[in-house]
């Protein structure tokens, strides 16, 4: 989503189903591409709810609404991954090594 050369879109269907994806151009070297690539909806929804991505102006169709997905501007708080606490003996052994 951060590469502006590959625009990502969010399509919201009339039923409420959302799909995030982008067009992958054809690559003659690898003989791959030339198709739409779907991104995992739960991951993209989480990025949106955390304010890490934003949706652009809607393009409304009777069956669906399509939005351009943009990276959010401004600082984002770092993600902290909780680590398991080590027993004091393990810490001492690690420091001694």
C-alpha atoms as a PDB file:
ATOM      1  CA  UNK A   1       0.000   0.000   0.000  1.00  0.00           C
ATOM      2  CA  UNK A   2       2.952   2.279   0.493  1.00  0.00           C
ATOM      3  CA  UNK A   3       4.108   1.894  -3.133  1.00  0.00           C
ATOM      4  CA  UNK A   4       2.223   4.562  -5.077  1.00  0.00           C
ATOM      5  CA  UNK A   5       3.063   2.801  -8.370  1.00  0.00           C
ATOM      6  CA  UNK A   6       0.750  -0.061  -7.350  1.00  0.00           C
ATOM      7  CA  UNK A   7      -2.564   1.456  -6.266  1.00  0.00           C
ATOM      8  CA  UNK A   8      -4.644  -0.580  -3.815  1.00  0.00           C
ATOM      9  CA  UNK A   9      -8.430  -0.372  -3.813  1.00  0.00           C
ATOM     10  CA  UNK A  10     -11.151  -1.317  -1.341  1.00  0.00           C
ATOM     11  CA  UNK A  11     -14.398  -2.494  -2.913  1.00  0.00           C
ATOM     12  CA  UNK A  12     -17.503  -2.525  -0.722  1.00  0.00           C
ATOM     13  CA  UNK A  13     -20.269  -4.574  -2.346  1.00  0.00           C
ATOM     14  CA  UNK A  14     -23.991  -3.862  -1.874  1.00  0.00           C
ATOM     15  CA  UNK A  15     -24.149  -6.842   0.519  1.00  0.00           C
ATOM     16  CA  UNK A  16     -21.541  -5.134   2.748  1.00  0.00           C
ATOM     17  CA  UNK A  17     -18.698  -7.491   1.830  1.00  0.00           C
ATOM     18  CA  UNK A  18     -15.333  -5.725   1.535  1.00  0.00           C
ATOM     19  CA  UNK A  19     -12.387  -6.767  -0.623  1.00  0.00           C
ATOM     20  CA  UNK A  20      -8.992  -5.112  -0.793  1.00  0.00           C
ATOM     21  CA  UNK A  21      -6.808  -5.702  -3.816  1.00  0.00           C
ATOM     22  CA  UNK A  22      -4.606  -4.404  -6.582  1.00  0.00           C
ATOM     23  CA  UNK A  23      -3.848  -5.107 -10.229  1.00  0.00           C
ATOM     24  CA  UNK A  24      -0.621  -7.043 -10.789  1.00  0.00           C
ATOM     25  CA  UNK A  25       0.744  -6.199 -14.239  1.00  0.00           C
ATOM     26  CA  UNK A  26       1.957  -8.963 -16.508  1.00  0.00           C
ATOM     27  CA  UNK A  27       5.681  -9.738 -16.253  1.00  0.00           C
ATOM     28  CA  UNK A  28       7.022 -11.347 -19.439  1.00  0.00           C
ATOM     29  CA  UNK A  29      10.180 -12.544 -17.676  1.00  0.00           C
ATOM     30  CA  UNK A  30       8.337 -14.664 -15.100  1.00  0.00           C
ATOM     31  CA  UNK A  31       5.156 -15.191 -17.187  1.00  0.00           C
ATOM     32  CA  UNK A  32       3.145 -14.129 -14.135  1.00  0.00           C
ATOM     33  CA  UNK A  33       0.690 -11.372 -13.443  1.00  0.00           C
ATOM     34  CA  UNK A  34      -1.998  -9.780 -15.525  1.00  0.00           C
ATOM     35  CA  UNK A  35      -4.563 -10.366 -12.778  1.00  0.00           C
ATOM     36  CA  UNK A  36      -6.141  -8.896  -9.678  1.00  0.00           C
ATOM     37  CA  UNK A  37      -4.545  -9.856  -6.371  1.00  0.00           C
ATOM     38  CA  UNK A  38      -6.717  -9.892  -3.266  1.00  0.00           C
ATOM     39  CA  UNK A  39      -5.261  -8.815   0.046  1.00  0.00           C
ATOM     40  CA  UNK A  40      -6.392 -10.403   3.341  1.00  0.00           C
ATOM     41  CA  UNK A  41      -9.498  -8.491   4.414  1.00  0.00           C
ATOM     42  CA  UNK A  42      -9.055  -8.971   8.205  1.00  0.00           C
ATOM     43  CA  UNK A  43      -5.523  -7.554   8.055  1.00  0.00           C
ATOM     44  CA  UNK A  44      -6.584  -4.553   5.952  1.00  0.00           C
ATOM     45  CA  UNK A  45      -9.606  -3.916   8.202  1.00  0.00           C
ATOM     46  CA  UNK A  46      -7.280  -3.946  11.218  1.00  0.00           C
ATOM     47  CA  UNK A  47      -4.937  -1.444   9.519  1.00  0.00           C
ATOM     48  CA  UNK A  48      -7.928   0.780   8.772  1.00  0.00           C
ATOM     49  CA  UNK A  49      -9.299   0.569  12.336  1.00  0.00           C
ATOM     50  CA  UNK A  50      -5.833   1.434  13.715  1.00  0.00           C
ATOM     51  CA  UNK A  51      -5.668   4.498  11.473  1.00  0.00           C
ATOM     52  CA  UNK A  52      -2.695   3.206   9.481  1.00  0.00           C
ATOM     53  CA  UNK A  53      -4.535   3.403   6.140  1.00  0.00           C
ATOM     54  CA  UNK A  54      -7.220   5.766   4.893  1.00  0.00           C
ATOM     55  CA  UNK A  55      -9.802   5.540   2.124  1.00  0.00           C
ATOM     56  CA  UNK A  56      -9.992   8.071  -0.679  1.00  0.00           C
ATOM     57  CA  UNK A  57     -13.028   9.507  -2.447  1.00  0.00           C
ATOM     58  CA  UNK A  58     -15.718   6.919  -3.223  1.00  0.00           C
ATOM     59  CA  UNK A  59     -16.541   5.816  -6.757  1.00  0.00           C
ATOM     60  CA  UNK A  60     -20.182   4.757  -6.446  1.00  0.00           C
ATOM     61  CA  UNK A  61     -21.764   2.101  -8.640  1.00  0.00           C
ATOM     62  CA  UNK A  62     -25.229   0.543  -8.100  1.00  0.00           C
ATOM     63  CA  UNK A  63     -23.654  -2.770  -7.004  1.00  0.00           C
ATOM     64  CA  UNK A  64     -20.528  -1.549  -5.233  1.00  0.00           C
ATOM     65  CA  UNK A  65     -18.487   1.390  -3.991  1.00  0.00           C
ATOM     66  CA  UNK A  66     -14.754   1.530  -4.647  1.00  0.00           C
ATOM     67  CA  UNK A  67     -12.209   3.535  -2.650  1.00  0.00           C
ATOM     68  CA  UNK A  68      -8.512   4.133  -3.234  1.00  0.00           C
ATOM     69  CA  UNK A  69      -6.504   3.014  -0.212  1.00  0.00           C
ATOM     70  CA  UNK A  70      -3.766   5.351   1.000  1.00  0.00           C
ATOM     71  CA  UNK A  71      -1.205   5.036   3.790  1.00  0.00           C
ATOM     72  CA  UNK A  72      -2.116   7.294   6.701  1.00  0.00           C
ATOM     73  CA  UNK A  73      -0.134  10.493   7.078  1.00  0.00           C
ATOM     74  CA  UNK A  74       1.476  11.446  10.319  1.00  0.00           C
ATOM     75  CA  UNK A  75       3.269   9.488  12.981  1.00  0.00           C
ATOM     76  CA  UNK A  76       1.984   6.094  13.962  1.00  0.00           C
ATOM     77  CA  UNK A  77       2.715   4.661  17.388  1.00  0.00           C
ATOM     78  CA  UNK A  78       5.137   1.736  17.181  1.00  0.00           C
ATOM     79  CA  UNK A  79       3.693  -1.710  17.585  1.00  0.00           C
ATOM     80  CA  UNK A  80       4.988  -3.425  20.694  1.00  0.00           C
ATOM     81  CA  UNK A  81       5.160  -7.196  20.650  1.00  0.00           C
ATOM     82  CA  UNK A  82       4.917  -8.608  24.158  1.00  0.00           C
ATOM     83  CA  UNK A  83       7.846 -10.838  25.023  1.00  0.00           C
ATOM     84  CA  UNK A  84       7.738 -13.703  27.459  1.00  0.00           C
ATOM     85  CA  UNK A  85       9.534 -12.911  30.680  1.00  0.00           C
ATOM     86  CA  UNK A  86      12.705 -14.899  31.275  1.00  0.00           C
ATOM     87  CA  UNK A  87      13.560 -16.299  34.693  1.00  0.00           C
ATOM     88  CA  UNK A  88      16.366 -14.406  36.465  1.00  0.00           C
ATOM     89  CA  UNK A  89      18.751 -17.366  36.006  1.00  0.00           C
ATOM     90  CA  UNK A  90      18.264 -17.335  32.226  1.00  0.00           C
ATOM     91  CA  UNK A  91      18.983 -13.593  32.085  1.00  0.00           C
ATOM     92  CA  UNK A  92      22.189 -14.073  34.098  1.00  0.00           C
ATOM     93  CA  UNK A  93      23.318 -16.896  31.786  1.00  0.00           C
ATOM     94  CA  UNK A  94      22.586 -14.780  28.715  1.00  0.00           C
ATOM     95  CA  UNK A  95      24.546 -11.825  30.092  1.00  0.00           C
ATOM     96  CA  UNK A  96      27.471 -14.072  31.061  1.00  0.00           C
ATOM     97  CA  UNK A  97      27.750 -15.527  27.548  1.00  0.00           C
END
